[in-house]
Amino acid sequence: TFVCDKPEGAVGDFVSCLDAMNCAMTVGMTTNANKNSAIALFNHQMTPHHQNAVNMCKALLKSGEVQCDDIEDEDHPHCQMVHLCYV
């Protein structure tokens, strides 16, 4: 598990989702450095890492916990999260 002290309810469901995504990311990032190329290794590591970030954003937005009426409201923390996930 990647998240400790999992609560019950909606947040607990979100934790389970994150754990599954993080497990998939770890599997995707696990490799040998067999191409003799730092660039190839970097790309192999970063692709699943960034895909996981996209998936985490999708899950967070789907959770219904983020409430933003105006995405241009840069001062509201929820709107900042929406902007982070879409940009």
PDB file of N, CA and C in Angstrom:
ATOM      1  N   THR A   1       0.837  -1.186   0.000  1.00  0.00           N
ATOM      2  CA  THR A   1       0.000   0.000   0.000  1.00  0.00           C
ATOM      3  C   THR A   1       0.881   1.248   0.000  1.00  0.00           C
ATOM      4  N   PHE A   2       0.374   2.285  -0.637  1.00  0.00           N
ATOM      5  CA  PHE A   2       1.128   3.534  -0.735  1.00  0.00           C
ATOM      6  C   PHE A   2       0.606   4.598   0.220  1.00  0.00           C
ATOM      7  N   VAL A   3      -0.638   4.443   0.674  1.00  0.00           N
ATOM      8  CA  VAL A   3      -1.256   5.410   1.579  1.00  0.00           C
ATOM      9  C   VAL A   3      -1.602   4.676   2.870  1.00  0.00           C
ATOM     10  N   CYS A   4      -1.080   5.153   3.981  1.00  0.00           N
ATOM     11  CA  CYS A   4      -1.313   4.516   5.271  1.00  0.00           C
ATOM     12  C   CYS A   4      -2.548   5.103   5.949  1.00  0.00           C
ATOM     13  N   ASP A   5      -3.073   4.393   6.926  1.00  0.00           N
ATOM     14  CA  ASP A   5      -4.216   4.834   7.733  1.00  0.00           C
ATOM     15  C   ASP A   5      -5.413   5.207   6.877  1.00  0.00           C
ATOM     16  N   LYS A   6      -5.791   4.299   5.991  1.00  0.00           N
ATOM     17  CA  LYS A   6      -6.917   4.518   5.082  1.00  0.00           C
ATOM     18  C   LYS A   6      -8.214   4.694   5.866  1.00  0.00           C
ATOM     19  N   PRO A   7      -8.900   5.815   5.659  1.00  0.00           N
ATOM     20  CA  PRO A   7     -10.179   6.021   6.338  1.00  0.00           C
ATOM     21  C   PRO A   7     -11.308   5.288   5.612  1.00  0.00           C
ATOM     22  N   GLU A   8     -12.476   5.300   6.196  1.00  0.00           N
ATOM     23  CA  GLU A   8     -13.661   4.722   5.575  1.00  0.00           C
ATOM     24  C   GLU A   8     -14.291   5.757   4.633  1.00  0.00           C
ATOM     25  N   GLY A   9     -15.262   5.329   3.881  1.00  0.00           N
ATOM     26  CA  GLY A   9     -16.065   6.239   3.073  1.00  0.00           C
ATOM     27  C   GLY A   9     -15.398   6.657   1.773  1.00  0.00           C
ATOM     28  N   ALA A  10     -15.807   7.825   1.297  1.00  0.00           N
ATOM     29  CA  ALA A  10     -15.359   8.316  -0.012  1.00  0.00           C
ATOM     30  C   ALA A  10     -13.854   8.519  -0.069  1.00  0.00           C
ATOM     31  N   VAL A  11     -13.278   9.035   1.008  1.00  0.00           N
ATOM     32  CA  VAL A  11     -11.821   9.249   1.004  1.00  0.00           C
ATOM     33  C   VAL A  11     -11.103   7.900   0.986  1.00  0.00           C
ATOM     34  N   GLY A  12     -11.634   6.933   1.697  1.00  0.00           N
ATOM     35  CA  GLY A  12     -11.057   5.594   1.665  1.00  0.00           C
ATOM     36  C   GLY A  12     -11.124   4.976   0.287  1.00  0.00           C
ATOM     37  N   ASP A  13     -12.242   5.208  -0.418  1.00  0.00           N
ATOM     38  CA  ASP A  13     -12.358   4.729  -1.797  1.00  0.00           C
ATOM     39  C   ASP A  13     -11.314   5.400  -2.687  1.00  0.00           C
ATOM     40  N   PHE A  14     -11.099   6.699  -2.469  1.00  0.00           N
ATOM     41  CA  PHE A  14     -10.094   7.433  -3.239  1.00  0.00           C
ATOM     42  C   PHE A  14      -8.701   6.876  -2.949  1.00  0.00           C
ATOM     43  N   VAL A  15      -8.438   6.551  -1.688  1.00  0.00           N
ATOM     44  CA  VAL A  15      -7.152   5.946  -1.310  1.00  0.00           C
ATOM     45  C   VAL A  15      -6.942   4.632  -2.055  1.00  0.00           C
ATOM     46  N   SER A  16      -7.976   3.801  -2.103  1.00  0.00           N
ATOM     47  CA  SER A  16      -7.860   2.522  -2.818  1.00  0.00           C
ATOM     48  C   SER A  16      -7.543   2.745  -4.287  1.00  0.00           C
ATOM     49  N   CYS A  17      -8.189   3.752  -4.867  1.00  0.00           N
ATOM     50  CA  CYS A  17      -7.941   4.085  -6.271  1.00  0.00           C
ATOM     51  C   CYS A  17      -6.492   4.546  -6.463  1.00  0.00           C
ATOM     52  N   LEU A  18      -6.015   5.414  -5.578  1.00  0.00           N
ATOM     53  CA  LEU A  18      -4.627   5.881  -5.665  1.00  0.00           C
ATOM     54  C   LEU A  18      -3.648   4.728  -5.503  1.00  0.00           C
ATOM     55  N   ASP A  19      -3.920   3.842  -4.562  1.00  0.00           N
ATOM     56  CA  ASP A  19      -3.035   2.696  -4.363  1.00  0.00           C
ATOM     57  C   ASP A  19      -2.925   1.861  -5.628  1.00  0.00           C
ATOM     58  N   ALA A  20      -4.056   1.629  -6.295  1.00  0.00           N
ATOM     59  CA  ALA A  20      -4.042   0.842  -7.533  1.00  0.00           C
ATOM     60  C   ALA A  20      -3.250   1.564  -8.619  1.00  0.00           C
ATOM     61  N   MET A  21      -3.471   2.878  -8.742  1.00  0.00           N
ATOM     62  CA  MET A  21      -2.743   3.648  -9.756  1.00  0.00           C
ATOM     63  C   MET A  21      -1.252   3.656  -9.469  1.00  0.00           C
ATOM     64  N   ASN A  22      -0.884   3.829  -8.204  1.00  0.00           N
ATOM     65  CA  ASN A  22       0.532   3.866  -7.848  1.00  0.00           C
ATOM     66  C   ASN A  22       1.201   2.518  -8.067  1.00  0.00           C
ATOM     67  N   CYS A  23       0.460   1.449  -7.829  1.00  0.00           N
ATOM     68  CA  CYS A  23       1.000   0.105  -8.085  1.00  0.00           C
ATOM     69  C   CYS A  23       1.268  -0.070  -9.584  1.00  0.00           C
ATOM     70  N   ALA A  24       0.304   0.343 -10.404  1.00  0.00           N
ATOM     71  CA  ALA A  24       0.480   0.244 -11.862  1.00  0.00           C
ATOM     72  C   ALA A  24       1.661   1.091 -12.319  1.00  0.00           C
ATOM     73  N   MET A  25       1.822   2.276 -11.722  1.00  0.00           N
ATOM     74  CA  MET A  25       2.939   3.139 -12.088  1.00  0.00           C
ATOM     75  C   MET A  25       4.266   2.468 -11.736  1.00  0.00           C
ATOM     76  N   THR A  26       4.327   1.887 -10.551  1.00  0.00           N
ATOM     77  CA  THR A  26       5.561   1.229 -10.116  1.00  0.00           C
ATOM     78  C   THR A  26       5.923   0.087 -11.051  1.00  0.00           C
ATOM     79  N   VAL A  27       4.932  -0.699 -11.441  1.00  0.00           N
ATOM     80  CA  VAL A  27       5.178  -1.794 -12.385  1.00  0.00           C
ATOM     81  C   VAL A  27       5.691  -1.224 -13.705  1.00  0.00           C
ATOM     82  N   GLY A  28       5.066  -0.146 -14.171  1.00  0.00           N
ATOM     83  CA  GLY A  28       5.481   0.468 -15.433  1.00  0.00           C
ATOM     84  C   GLY A  28       6.880   1.059 -15.384  1.00  0.00           C
ATOM     85  N   MET A  29       7.293   1.500 -14.204  1.00  0.00           N
ATOM     86  CA  MET A  29       8.607   2.128 -14.061  1.00  0.00           C
ATOM     87  C   MET A  29       9.712   1.118 -13.778  1.00  0.00           C
ATOM     88  N   THR A  30       9.355  -0.090 -13.415  1.00  0.00           N
ATOM     89  CA  THR A  30      10.349  -1.092 -13.052  1.00  0.00           C
ATOM     90  C   THR A  30      11.010  -1.635 -14.312  1.00  0.00           C
ATOM     91  N   THR A  31      12.304  -1.476 -14.382  1.00  0.00           N
ATOM     92  CA  THR A  31      13.042  -1.858 -15.582  1.00  0.00           C
ATOM     93  C   THR A  31      14.505  -2.089 -15.238  1.00  0.00           C
ATOM     94  N   ASN A  32      15.200  -2.655 -16.156  1.00  0.00           N
ATOM     95  CA  ASN A  32      16.653  -2.733 -16.080  1.00  0.00           C
ATOM     96  C   ASN A  32      17.230  -1.622 -16.942  1.00  0.00           C
ATOM     97  N   ALA A  33      18.394  -1.159 -16.591  1.00  0.00           N
ATOM     98  CA  ALA A  33      19.078  -0.159 -17.409  1.00  0.00           C
ATOM     99  C   ALA A  33      19.850  -0.890 -18.497  1.00  0.00           C
ATOM    100  N   ASN A  34      19.122  -1.455 -19.466  1.00  0.00           N
ATOM    101  CA  ASN A  34      19.773  -2.330 -20.443  1.00  0.00           C
ATOM    102  C   ASN A  34      19.984  -1.684 -21.809  1.00  0.00           C
ATOM    103  N   LYS A  35      19.644  -0.442 -21.979  1.00  0.00           N
ATOM    104  CA  LYS A  35      19.836   0.228 -23.269  1.00  0.00           C
ATOM    105  C   LYS A  35      21.138   1.032 -23.302  1.00  0.00           C
ATOM    106  N   ASN A  36      21.829   1.047 -22.182  1.00  0.00           N
ATOM    107  CA  ASN A  36      23.060   1.823 -22.087  1.00  0.00           C
ATOM    108  C   ASN A  36      22.825   3.277 -22.475  1.00  0.00           C
ATOM    109  N   SER A  37      21.645   3.790 -22.072  1.00  0.00           N
ATOM    110  CA  SER A  37      21.271   5.153 -22.427  1.00  0.00           C
ATOM    111  C   SER A  37      20.508   5.791 -21.270  1.00  0.00           C
ATOM    112  N   ALA A  38      21.061   6.862 -20.735  1.00  0.00           N
ATOM    113  CA  ALA A  38      20.366   7.593 -19.676  1.00  0.00           C
ATOM    114  C   ALA A  38      19.054   8.173 -20.197  1.00  0.00           C
ATOM    115  N   ILE A  39      19.026   8.582 -21.453  1.00  0.00           N
ATOM    116  CA  ILE A  39      17.810   9.153 -22.044  1.00  0.00           C
ATOM    117  C   ILE A  39      16.717   8.095 -22.130  1.00  0.00           C
ATOM    118  N   ALA A  40      17.061   6.901 -22.577  1.00  0.00           N
ATOM    119  CA  ALA A  40      16.069   5.826 -22.677  1.00  0.00           C
ATOM    120  C   ALA A  40      15.528   5.474 -21.296  1.00  0.00           C
ATOM    121  N   LEU A  41      16.397   5.392 -20.309  1.00  0.00           N
ATOM    122  CA  LEU A  41      15.968   5.076 -18.949  1.00  0.00           C
ATOM    123  C   LEU A  41      15.068   6.187 -18.403  1.00  0.00           C
ATOM    124  N   PHE A  42      15.467   7.439 -18.618  1.00  0.00           N
ATOM    125  CA  PHE A  42      14.659   8.574 -18.176  1.00  0.00           C
ATOM    126  C   PHE A  42      13.265   8.504 -18.792  1.00  0.00           C
ATOM    127  N   ASN A  43      13.188   8.284 -20.084  1.00  0.00           N
ATOM    128  CA  ASN A  43      11.887   8.209 -20.758  1.00  0.00           C
ATOM    129  C   ASN A  43      11.053   7.048 -20.235  1.00  0.00           C
ATOM    130  N   HIS A  44      11.683   5.923 -20.000  1.00  0.00           N
ATOM    131  CA  HIS A  44      10.960   4.757 -19.498  1.00  0.00           C
ATOM    132  C   HIS A  44      10.384   5.022 -18.106  1.00  0.00           C
ATOM    133  N   GLN A  45      11.102   5.787 -17.310  1.00  0.00           N
ATOM    134  CA  GLN A  45      10.644   6.108 -15.962  1.00  0.00           C
ATOM    135  C   GLN A  45       9.581   7.217 -15.968  1.00  0.00           C
ATOM    136  N   MET A  46       9.756   8.224 -16.777  1.00  0.00           N
ATOM    137  CA  MET A  46       8.888   9.396 -16.716  1.00  0.00           C
ATOM    138  C   MET A  46       7.527   9.181 -17.361  1.00  0.00           C
ATOM    139  N   THR A  47       7.423   8.351 -18.369  1.00  0.00           N
ATOM    140  CA  THR A  47       6.137   8.154 -19.033  1.00  0.00           C
ATOM    141  C   THR A  47       5.091   7.606 -18.055  1.00  0.00           C
ATOM    142  N   PRO A  48       5.334   6.502 -17.341  1.00  0.00           N
ATOM    143  CA  PRO A  48       4.317   6.037 -16.392  1.00  0.00           C
ATOM    144  C   PRO A  48       4.119   6.997 -15.221  1.00  0.00           C
ATOM    145  N   HIS A  49       5.173   7.695 -14.829  1.00  0.00           N
ATOM    146  CA  HIS A  49       5.070   8.660 -13.736  1.00  0.00           C
ATOM    147  C   HIS A  49       4.084   9.774 -14.104  1.00  0.00           C
ATOM    148  N   HIS A  50       4.228  10.329 -15.278  1.00  0.00           N
ATOM    149  CA  HIS A  50       3.348  11.415 -15.699  1.00  0.00           C
ATOM    150  C   HIS A  50       1.949  10.915 -16.040  1.00  0.00           C
ATOM    151  N   GLN A  51       1.841   9.707 -16.581  1.00  0.00           N
ATOM    152  CA  GLN A  51       0.511   9.142 -16.828  1.00  0.00           C
ATOM    153  C   GLN A  51      -0.223   8.948 -15.508  1.00  0.00           C
ATOM    154  N   ASN A  52       0.514   8.574 -14.462  1.00  0.00           N
ATOM    155  CA  ASN A  52      -0.092   8.417 -13.148  1.00  0.00           C
ATOM    156  C   ASN A  52      -0.599   9.757 -12.624  1.00  0.00           C
ATOM    157  N   ALA A  53       0.141  10.824 -12.863  1.00  0.00           N
ATOM    158  CA  ALA A  53      -0.313  12.150 -12.431  1.00  0.00           C
ATOM    159  C   ALA A  53      -1.618  12.519 -13.124  1.00  0.00           C
ATOM    160  N   VAL A  54      -1.725  12.229 -14.410  1.00  0.00           N
ATOM    161  CA  VAL A  54      -2.962  12.494 -15.154  1.00  0.00           C
ATOM    162  C   VAL A  54      -4.106  11.664 -14.568  1.00  0.00           C
ATOM    163  N   ASN A  55      -3.848  10.397 -14.310  1.00  0.00           N
ATOM    164  CA  ASN A  55      -4.883   9.532 -13.748  1.00  0.00           C
ATOM    165  C   ASN A  55      -5.308   9.986 -12.357  1.00  0.00           C
ATOM    166  N   MET A  56      -4.353  10.447 -11.550  1.00  0.00           N
ATOM    167  CA  MET A  56      -4.693  10.945 -10.218  1.00  0.00           C
ATOM    168  C   MET A  56      -5.579  12.182 -10.312  1.00  0.00           C
ATOM    169  N   CYS A  57      -5.293  13.067 -11.252  1.00  0.00           N
ATOM    170  CA  CYS A  57      -6.138  14.245 -11.453  1.00  0.00           C
ATOM    171  C   CYS A  57      -7.548  13.834 -11.852  1.00  0.00           C
ATOM    172  N   LYS A  58      -7.658  12.915 -12.781  1.00  0.00           N
ATOM    173  CA  LYS A  58      -8.979  12.453 -13.216  1.00  0.00           C
ATOM    174  C   LYS A  58      -9.763  11.882 -12.039  1.00  0.00           C
ATOM    175  N   ALA A  59      -9.103  11.084 -11.218  1.00  0.00           N
ATOM    176  CA  ALA A  59      -9.776  10.477 -10.070  1.00  0.00           C
ATOM    177  C   ALA A  59     -10.197  11.537  -9.053  1.00  0.00           C
ATOM    178  N   LEU A  60      -9.324  12.509  -8.823  1.00  0.00           N
ATOM    179  CA  LEU A  60      -9.653  13.578  -7.871  1.00  0.00           C
ATOM    180  C   LEU A  60     -10.857  14.371  -8.356  1.00  0.00           C
ATOM    181  N   LEU A  61     -10.851  14.743  -9.622  1.00  0.00           N
ATOM    182  CA  LEU A  61     -11.968  15.524 -10.152  1.00  0.00           C
ATOM    183  C   LEU A  61     -13.259  14.703 -10.145  1.00  0.00           C
ATOM    184  N   LYS A  62     -13.149  13.410 -10.405  1.00  0.00           N
ATOM    185  CA  LYS A  62     -14.335  12.545 -10.400  1.00  0.00           C
ATOM    186  C   LYS A  62     -14.856  12.312  -8.987  1.00  0.00           C
ATOM    187  N   SER A  63     -14.020  12.491  -7.977  1.00  0.00           N
ATOM    188  CA  SER A  63     -14.425  12.245  -6.593  1.00  0.00           C
ATOM    189  C   SER A  63     -15.533  13.191  -6.136  1.00  0.00           C
ATOM    190  N   GLY A  64     -15.663  14.327  -6.794  1.00  0.00           N
ATOM    191  CA  GLY A  64     -16.671  15.309  -6.407  1.00  0.00           C
ATOM    192  C   GLY A  64     -16.240  16.205  -5.268  1.00  0.00           C
ATOM    193  N   GLU A  65     -15.046  16.019  -4.768  1.00  0.00           N
ATOM    194  CA  GLU A  65     -14.574  16.819  -3.642  1.00  0.00           C
ATOM    195  C   GLU A  65     -14.080  18.199  -4.079  1.00  0.00           C
ATOM    196  N   VAL A  66     -13.659  18.323  -5.319  1.00  0.00           N
ATOM    197  CA  VAL A  66     -13.160  19.599  -5.828  1.00  0.00           C
ATOM    198  C   VAL A  66     -14.351  20.418  -6.328  1.00  0.00           C
ATOM    199  N   GLN A  67     -14.559  21.561  -5.702  1.00  0.00           N
ATOM    200  CA  GLN A  67     -15.673  22.439  -6.069  1.00  0.00           C
ATOM    201  C   GLN A  67     -15.107  23.769  -6.565  1.00  0.00           C
ATOM    202  N   CYS A  68     -15.257  24.019  -7.849  1.00  0.00           N
ATOM    203  CA  CYS A  68     -14.755  25.264  -8.452  1.00  0.00           C
ATOM    204  C   CYS A  68     -15.794  25.783  -9.434  1.00  0.00           C
ATOM    205  N   ASP A  69     -16.319  26.958  -9.151  1.00  0.00           N
ATOM    206  CA  ASP A  69     -17.325  27.560 -10.031  1.00  0.00           C
ATOM    207  C   ASP A  69     -16.695  28.398 -11.134  1.00  0.00           C
ATOM    208  N   ASP A  70     -15.463  28.848 -10.919  1.00  0.00           N
ATOM    209  CA  ASP A  70     -14.799  29.726 -11.896  1.00  0.00           C
ATOM    210  C   ASP A  70     -13.337  29.312 -12.009  1.00  0.00           C
ATOM    211  N   ILE A  71     -13.009  28.610 -13.078  1.00  0.00           N
ATOM    212  CA  ILE A  71     -11.642  28.088 -13.242  1.00  0.00           C
ATOM    213  C   ILE A  71     -10.596  29.207 -13.301  1.00  0.00           C
ATOM    214  N   GLU A  72     -11.025  30.422 -13.574  1.00  0.00           N
ATOM    215  CA  GLU A  72     -10.084  31.541 -13.615  1.00  0.00           C
ATOM    216  C   GLU A  72      -9.822  32.143 -12.235  1.00  0.00           C
ATOM    217  N   ASP A  73     -10.497  31.634 -11.212  1.00  0.00           N
ATOM    218  CA  ASP A  73     -10.285  32.098  -9.843  1.00  0.00           C
ATOM    219  C   ASP A  73      -8.996  31.483  -9.308  1.00  0.00           C
ATOM    220  N   GLU A  74      -7.902  32.202  -9.472  1.00  0.00           N
ATOM    221  CA  GLU A  74      -6.585  31.677  -9.089  1.00  0.00           C
ATOM    222  C   GLU A  74      -6.358  31.674  -7.585  1.00  0.00           C
ATOM    223  N   ASP A  75      -7.255  32.293  -6.819  1.00  0.00           N
ATOM    224  CA  ASP A  75      -7.079  32.354  -5.369  1.00  0.00           C
ATOM    225  C   ASP A  75      -7.768  31.199  -4.641  1.00  0.00           C
ATOM    226  N   HIS A  76      -8.731  30.565  -5.289  1.00  0.00           N
ATOM    227  CA  HIS A  76      -9.468  29.472  -4.647  1.00  0.00           C
ATOM    228  C   HIS A  76      -8.677  28.174  -4.813  1.00  0.00           C
ATOM    229  N   PRO A  77      -8.358  27.498  -3.704  1.00  0.00           N
ATOM    230  CA  PRO A  77      -7.514  26.289  -3.807  1.00  0.00           C
ATOM    231  C   PRO A  77      -8.123  25.183  -4.673  1.00  0.00           C
ATOM    232  N   HIS A  78      -9.447  25.070  -4.686  1.00  0.00           N
ATOM    233  CA  HIS A  78     -10.060  24.039  -5.530  1.00  0.00           C
ATOM    234  C   HIS A  78      -9.893  24.383  -7.002  1.00  0.00           C
ATOM    235  N   CYS A  79     -10.025  25.663  -7.320  1.00  0.00           N
ATOM    236  CA  CYS A  79      -9.840  26.083  -8.713  1.00  0.00           C
ATOM    237  C   CYS A  79      -8.379  25.912  -9.135  1.00  0.00           C
ATOM    238  N   GLN A  80      -7.472  26.091  -8.193  1.00  0.00           N
ATOM    239  CA  GLN A  80      -6.063  25.849  -8.480  1.00  0.00           C
ATOM    240  C   GLN A  80      -5.854  24.385  -8.837  1.00  0.00           C
ATOM    241  N   MET A  81      -6.543  23.484  -8.138  1.00  0.00           N
ATOM    242  CA  MET A  81      -6.429  22.052  -8.434  1.00  0.00           C
ATOM    243  C   MET A  81      -6.979  21.740  -9.822  1.00  0.00           C
ATOM    244  N   VAL A  82      -8.121  22.330 -10.165  1.00  0.00           N
ATOM    245  CA  VAL A  82      -8.705  22.105 -11.498  1.00  0.00           C
ATOM    246  C   VAL A  82      -7.732  22.607 -12.555  1.00  0.00           C
ATOM    247  N   HIS A  83      -7.177  23.786 -12.342  1.00  0.00           N
ATOM    248  CA  HIS A  83      -6.221  24.353 -13.308  1.00  0.00           C
ATOM    249  C   HIS A  83      -4.997  23.446 -13.428  1.00  0.00           C
ATOM    250  N   LEU A  84      -4.495  22.964 -12.310  1.00  0.00           N
ATOM    251  CA  LEU A  84      -3.336  22.066 -12.333  1.00  0.00           C
ATOM    252  C   LEU A  84      -3.634  20.810 -13.123  1.00  0.00           C
ATOM    253  N   CYS A  85      -4.836  20.284 -12.982  1.00  0.00           N
ATOM    254  CA  CYS A  85      -5.180  19.033 -13.647  1.00  0.00           C
ATOM    255  C   CYS A  85      -5.445  19.205 -15.137  1.00  0.00           C
ATOM    256  N   TYR A  86      -5.860  20.377 -15.559  1.00  0.00           N
ATOM    257  CA  TYR A  86      -6.183  20.572 -16.964  1.00  0.00           C
ATOM    258  C   TYR A  86      -5.068  21.210 -17.776  1.00  0.00           C
ATOM    259  N   VAL A  87      -4.087  21.765 -17.114  1.00  0.00           N
ATOM    260  CA  VAL A  87      -3.012  22.449 -17.847  1.00  0.00           C
ATOM    261  C   VAL A  87      -1.797  21.585 -17.950  1.00  0.00           C
TER     262      VAL A  87
END
